[in-house]
Amino acid sequence: MNENVDENQSSSAKKASAGAPESVRSPRVARSVLGESSASKPESGAWPLNNKKSQRKRTPRARRMSLSLTRVDAWSVAKVTLLLSVAFGIIQIVAVALIWALLNVVGVFDQVTQIVSSTGLDTGGFNLASIFSLGTVLSAVTMLSIVEVVVATLFAVIIAALYNVISQLVGGVHITLGDD
């Protein structure tokens, strides 16, 4: 059975290359970064001393590839955006907790309460620290972070779907990558 597969592949390769020009049928030669082909190396393993090509110093050539980003998978965008926005939400909660602790240690809440009471606007024992307690602030920031995670994920999926539609019309984003 293995022999039949090999025979079928070689016969289909012959049929495909029968009508093709010579340049298409010739095998591709692997080249190093220096531009030398692997076929140019001698079989004996020793480099000839009188070869002027090998005596000349070669500067490495930078390889360049032109690529096009024509499609973005919406599911992968959703997964990555979900994880990144969850990480951002956690960072946001921790940052707000640290800022609240800093403001509490410095005494900002007590000073604002004293300023409000000294102006005569104190109606019934205004206490800023009880209104903006750590639990209240963290629960508000957590709810806001959950909403941000959902909105960011949906927004990213919508953008990916729009990109796919637009890239079908214009061919996507063309990128040239270089090996420096």
Protein backbone atom coordinates (compact mmCIF):
# COMPACT_ATOMS: atom_id res chain seq x y z
CA MET A 1 0.00 0.00 0.00
CA ASN A 2 2.87 2.36 0.81
CA GLU A 3 4.39 1.72 -2.62
CA ASN A 4 1.07 2.63 -4.29
CA VAL A 5 0.98 5.93 -2.43
CA ASP A 6 4.56 6.72 -3.51
CA GLU A 7 3.78 5.80 -7.13
CA ASN A 8 0.62 7.94 -7.10
CA GLN A 9 2.49 10.91 -5.67
CA SER A 10 5.33 10.65 -8.18
CA SER A 11 2.94 10.23 -11.12
CA SER A 12 0.83 13.20 -9.98
CA ALA A 13 4.00 15.27 -9.58
CA LYS A 14 5.07 14.33 -13.12
CA LYS A 15 1.63 15.29 -14.46
CA ALA A 16 1.70 18.62 -12.63
CA SER A 17 5.18 19.48 -13.86
CA ALA A 18 4.70 18.28 -17.44
CA GLY A 19 3.10 21.51 -18.66
CA ALA A 20 5.02 23.82 -16.33
CA PRO A 21 8.06 25.82 -17.41
CA GLU A 22 11.52 24.70 -16.34
CA SER A 23 11.86 27.32 -13.59
CA VAL A 24 8.76 26.02 -11.81
CA ARG A 25 9.88 22.36 -11.97
CA SER A 26 13.36 22.91 -10.57
CA PRO A 27 13.71 22.16 -6.88
CA ARG A 28 14.07 25.02 -4.44
CA VAL A 29 17.52 25.44 -2.98
CA ALA A 30 17.90 26.31 0.68
CA ARG A 31 20.05 29.37 1.31
CA SER A 32 21.81 30.47 4.44
CA VAL A 33 21.61 33.96 5.88
CA LEU A 34 24.79 34.81 3.97
CA GLY A 35 23.06 33.99 0.70
CA GLU A 36 25.04 30.83 -0.02
CA SER A 37 23.11 27.86 -1.31
CA SER A 38 23.54 24.47 0.27
CA ALA A 39 24.29 23.03 -3.18
CA SER A 40 27.43 25.17 -3.50
CA LYS A 41 29.21 23.36 -0.67
CA PRO A 42 31.65 20.69 -1.88
CA GLU A 43 30.84 17.07 -1.14
CA SER A 44 34.24 16.27 0.38
CA GLY A 45 33.58 18.48 3.39
CA ALA A 46 36.78 20.59 2.94
CA TRP A 47 36.47 24.04 1.47
CA PRO A 48 38.70 24.69 -1.54
CA LEU A 49 41.44 27.21 -0.85
CA ASN A 50 41.51 28.67 -4.33
CA ASN A 51 37.82 29.53 -4.45
CA LYS A 52 37.68 33.33 -4.81
CA LYS A 53 34.04 33.34 -3.79
CA SER A 54 34.85 31.91 -0.37
CA GLN A 55 37.85 34.23 0.14
CA ARG A 56 35.72 37.31 -0.25
CA LYS A 57 34.05 38.53 2.97
CA ARG A 58 30.31 38.39 2.74
CA THR A 59 28.06 40.74 4.56
CA PRO A 60 24.85 39.14 5.76
CA ARG A 61 21.81 40.18 3.79
CA ALA A 62 18.64 41.05 5.61
CA ARG A 63 15.72 38.88 4.60
CA ARG A 64 12.42 40.58 3.97
CA MET A 65 8.99 38.99 3.75
CA SER A 66 5.80 40.69 2.69
CA LEU A 67 2.78 39.29 4.50
CA SER A 68 -0.89 40.18 4.65
CA LEU A 69 -3.13 39.94 7.68
CA THR A 70 -6.37 39.01 5.96
CA ARG A 71 -8.40 37.34 8.72
CA VAL A 72 -8.57 37.53 12.50
CA ASP A 73 -10.24 34.70 14.39
CA ALA A 74 -12.99 36.26 16.52
CA TRP A 75 -12.92 33.45 19.09
CA SER A 76 -9.19 33.88 19.75
CA VAL A 77 -9.67 37.65 20.00
CA ALA A 78 -12.45 37.05 22.54
CA LYS A 79 -10.29 34.74 24.66
CA VAL A 80 -7.27 37.03 24.67
CA THR A 81 -9.33 40.14 25.34
CA LEU A 82 -11.22 38.42 28.16
CA LEU A 83 -8.02 37.38 29.91
CA LEU A 84 -6.36 40.77 29.41
CA SER A 85 -9.38 42.67 30.65
CA VAL A 86 -9.69 40.39 33.71
CA ALA A 87 -6.03 41.08 34.46
CA PHE A 88 -6.64 44.81 34.02
CA GLY A 89 -9.68 44.58 36.34
CA ILE A 90 -7.62 42.89 39.05
CA ILE A 91 -4.91 45.54 38.69
CA GLN A 92 -7.56 48.23 38.92
CA ILE A 93 -9.04 46.77 42.14
CA VAL A 94 -5.62 46.44 43.77
CA ALA A 95 -4.66 49.99 42.73
CA VAL A 96 -7.85 51.46 44.16
CA ALA A 97 -7.33 49.56 47.43
CA LEU A 98 -3.77 50.90 47.70
CA ILE A 99 -4.86 54.46 46.92
CA TRP A 100 -7.67 54.23 49.50
CA ALA A 101 -5.22 52.92 52.11
CA LEU A 102 -2.80 55.73 51.30
CA LEU A 103 -5.51 58.38 51.58
CA ASN A 104 -6.68 56.89 54.86
CA VAL A 105 -3.15 56.79 56.32
CA VAL A 106 -2.46 60.39 55.28
CA GLY A 107 -5.77 61.44 56.87
CA VAL A 108 -7.51 62.94 53.86
CA PHE A 109 -10.93 61.61 54.89
CA ASP A 110 -10.65 63.14 58.39
CA GLN A 111 -9.44 66.48 57.00
CA VAL A 112 -12.32 66.69 54.50
CA THR A 113 -14.77 65.88 57.31
CA GLN A 114 -13.26 68.67 59.47
CA ILE A 115 -13.43 71.15 56.57
CA VAL A 116 -17.09 70.33 55.92
CA SER A 117 -17.98 70.63 59.62
CA SER A 118 -16.10 73.95 59.98
CA THR A 119 -17.99 75.55 57.09
CA GLY A 120 -21.32 74.88 58.73
CA LEU A 121 -22.49 72.43 56.08
CA ASP A 122 -22.43 69.60 58.60
CA THR A 123 -26.02 68.44 58.84
CA GLY A 124 -26.28 65.37 61.00
CA GLY A 125 -22.71 64.17 61.50
CA PHE A 126 -21.13 64.07 58.05
CA ASN A 127 -18.31 61.51 57.99
CA LEU A 128 -16.53 60.96 54.67
CA ALA A 129 -14.71 57.86 55.96
CA SER A 130 -18.02 56.06 56.60
CA ILE A 131 -19.39 56.99 53.17
CA PHE A 132 -16.23 55.94 51.34
CA SER A 133 -15.33 52.90 53.44
CA LEU A 134 -12.94 50.34 51.98
CA GLY A 135 -15.71 47.79 51.46
CA THR A 136 -17.94 50.25 49.67
CA VAL A 137 -15.17 51.48 47.39
CA LEU A 138 -13.92 47.97 46.54
CA SER A 139 -17.42 46.65 45.81
CA ALA A 140 -18.10 49.61 43.48
CA VAL A 141 -14.76 49.14 41.70
CA THR A 142 -15.36 45.37 41.39
CA MET A 143 -18.77 45.91 39.78
CA LEU A 144 -17.27 48.50 37.45
CA SER A 145 -14.46 46.08 36.54
CA ILE A 146 -16.93 43.31 35.71
CA VAL A 147 -18.84 45.67 33.41
CA GLU A 148 -15.55 46.74 31.81
CA VAL A 149 -14.56 43.10 31.17
CA VAL A 150 -17.84 42.34 29.41
CA VAL A 151 -17.85 45.57 27.38
CA ALA A 152 -14.19 45.26 26.36
CA THR A 153 -14.62 41.64 25.25
CA LEU A 154 -17.73 42.40 23.21
CA PHE A 155 -16.10 45.48 21.69
CA ALA A 156 -13.01 43.52 20.66
CA VAL A 157 -15.09 40.75 19.04
CA ILE A 158 -17.12 43.33 17.12
CA ILE A 159 -13.92 45.03 15.94
CA ALA A 160 -12.48 41.65 14.84
CA ALA A 161 -15.65 40.84 12.88
CA LEU A 162 -15.60 44.26 11.23
CA TYR A 163 -11.92 43.83 10.37
CA ASN A 164 -12.69 40.48 8.69
CA VAL A 165 -15.42 42.05 6.56
CA ILE A 166 -13.29 45.04 5.59
CA SER A 167 -10.22 42.92 4.86
CA GLN A 168 -12.24 40.85 2.39
CA LEU A 169 -12.96 44.06 0.51
CA VAL A 170 -9.49 45.63 0.55
CA GLY A 171 -7.19 42.65 1.09
CA GLY A 172 -6.16 43.16 4.69
CA VAL A 173 -3.18 44.87 6.23
CA HIS A 174 0.08 44.37 4.33
CA ILE A 175 3.17 43.99 6.50
CA THR A 176 6.83 43.72 5.49
CA LEU A 177 8.93 41.86 8.04
CA GLY A 178 12.70 42.21 8.03
CA ASP A 179 15.48 40.15 9.57
CA ASP A 180 17.98 42.73 10.79
